[in-house]
Amino acid sequence: MPAVLSLILGGGRGARLYPLTKLRSKPAVPVAGKYRLIDIPISNCINSGMNRIYVLTQFLSVSLHRHIANTYKFDMFGQGFVEVLAAQQTMEGANWYQGTADAVRQNLRQVKEDDSTDVLILSGDQLYRMNFRQLMDTHLSSNADATIAVIPKSEEEVSGFGILKVDEQGRMIDFYEKPKTRQEREPYRTPREWIEARGLKYKNRPFLASMGIYLFKKDALLELLESRPVADDFGSQIFPRHFKTHRIFVHPFDGYWEDLGTIRSYHESSLALASSNPPFDFSSPEGVIYTRMRYLPASRVEDAVLSDCLLSDGCVVMTGARIEKSLLGVRSYIGRNVAIRETVIIGADRYETDEERESNRRRGIPNFNVGDGTIIERAILDKDCRVGRNVRITNERRVSEAEGENYVIRDGIVCIPRGAIVADNTII
C-alpha cells in the first residue's frame, strides 16, 4: 500500500448550514445524535488503513480541535495522527482560503515534508462509507495523475454538481461545473453500457457527478498547484484546465452518499437515520464510524410513546411525551406531555444540577431542552437550547426564510440556535 497523506477540507463559513455553523465550523456539526461530521471522513480513512490525516479549517475551529484531540489518539510508536491545520498568516501569505485548491496550496509545506507518495483530498460535510483502498486500486491500475470519485446522478439531481465526460477507459475528457440547462448537460450523458460494465445500476442516472473526493500523485498535485495561472478550486479550475495534459481518471461509486451542506439536506438525512430502515449504518462490519467516547448513563423513558426515533445516550423522556420521526442527541431532556414530530434535537453538553434547575425556575429561564406541554414540528434544536413550557414551534404560516431573536427559518425548517432561550408560551 503506497504511503497516503489525507487532507480533509473543512469548508468556508458554512453559510448554507447556518445557524448550526454560528458557533462552530462545519465539520464540527453534530450528526446522528452522538457523532460529528468530521468523524465520517476520518473513520473512512482509518478503516482504509490511511491514518495520517490533516483537517484544514479556517472558521471557528476550537470545538473541532477539542473533539479531535479527545477522540483520535494513536499509538505513540506508530506514524498515525489526526491534526487540525487552521488558516494562519505566514510569510507567504495572509489570506483566507479562496477555494479547495487554495486551501491545500496554503498548506503545501506539510504536504512536501510528508514522505507520502499520494495525497487523498476529502470533504468534511458528507455522509458515506467508502473503502479508499478500492479508490487506490483504480488510481494505480490506470497510472493516473489524479483520480476523482464519481457517483451516477439523474438529470433532476445533477444541477448542483460538477459532471464529467469520460472515454471507454474511464479517463476524463471534459468537465462542466453545475450545469443548469438541458443543453449544458446533454454532451455529458454517459452510456448505460459504460455504467453497468463497472457493476453499477443504471436506474436512469446517466451523469457522472464528482463527489469531491480526489486522489493525487503527490508530484502531480504539487505541479498543478504551483502552475500558472493560479487556480483556487479543483472542480471549476484545476480539472478543466489540465485534463488534456494530465491523466485524470474516475472511480465509480454507488453506495449511500449524501452532502449535508444545507439545512434541508441535514434535516432530511437526520430523519432518514431515525427511520425503521435507515439508509446508513454507523456500526457496519464494513467499517465502523468512530467518535468521542462518553461515559453517559442509559436513556430513561417514562410513560411515553416513541415511533421511528433515534435515541442517543443519556436522554430523559418524561410521562405523556409523544415523539415521531425524530432524532434525540446526547443528554436530551423532554418534558411531560410534549409532542415532537420530524425534529432533530442535538441535546446538551452537560446535565444541570437540581440547584441550577431551581435557580432557573426562579429567574424564569427554561431548563435544557424542551419544557412541559410544548409542541414542535419540523425543526432543529441545536445544542444547549432552552425551550420553555407550552411553546409552539410549528411554522404554521409556512414561512420559507426568516430570522428572529431566537430562531432562524431555512427552507421552511425552524432552527433554534445553540444556547438560545425560547420563553414559556412562545409561538414560532
Foldseek 3Di string as FASTA:
>chain_A
DFQEEEEEEQDAQLVQAPPQSVQATQQQRDAQFFFGLQLAVQQLCVLLVHFHYEYEEAPNCPSVQVFQVQFDDDDPPDDGDYYYDYQAADPVGGDDQPEDLSSCVSVVVVVVPDPGQKYKYHYRFKHDHDNCVLVVVLCVVLVFQKEFEWEFAAPVPQQQFKWFAADLSQWTDAIDGRDDDPVVCVVQFADPVSQVVLVDDPPRRRTIGTPRIMMGRSVSSVPQCPDPPHDRYCRPPSCRVPSVPTGYGYDYDYADMFGRSHPVSSLVLRLLCLAPDRRDDQCDPSTHRTGRDDDAAAEDEDQEAEHSEAEEGQEYHDAQEYEYSEYHHHNAYHEHNEYEYSEYENHEPDDDDPVVCVVCVVVQFAAPDAEACEYAYQEYEYYQEGEYHNEYHDPVVQDAFDDDPQWTHHRSYIYGHHNGTHGHNHYD
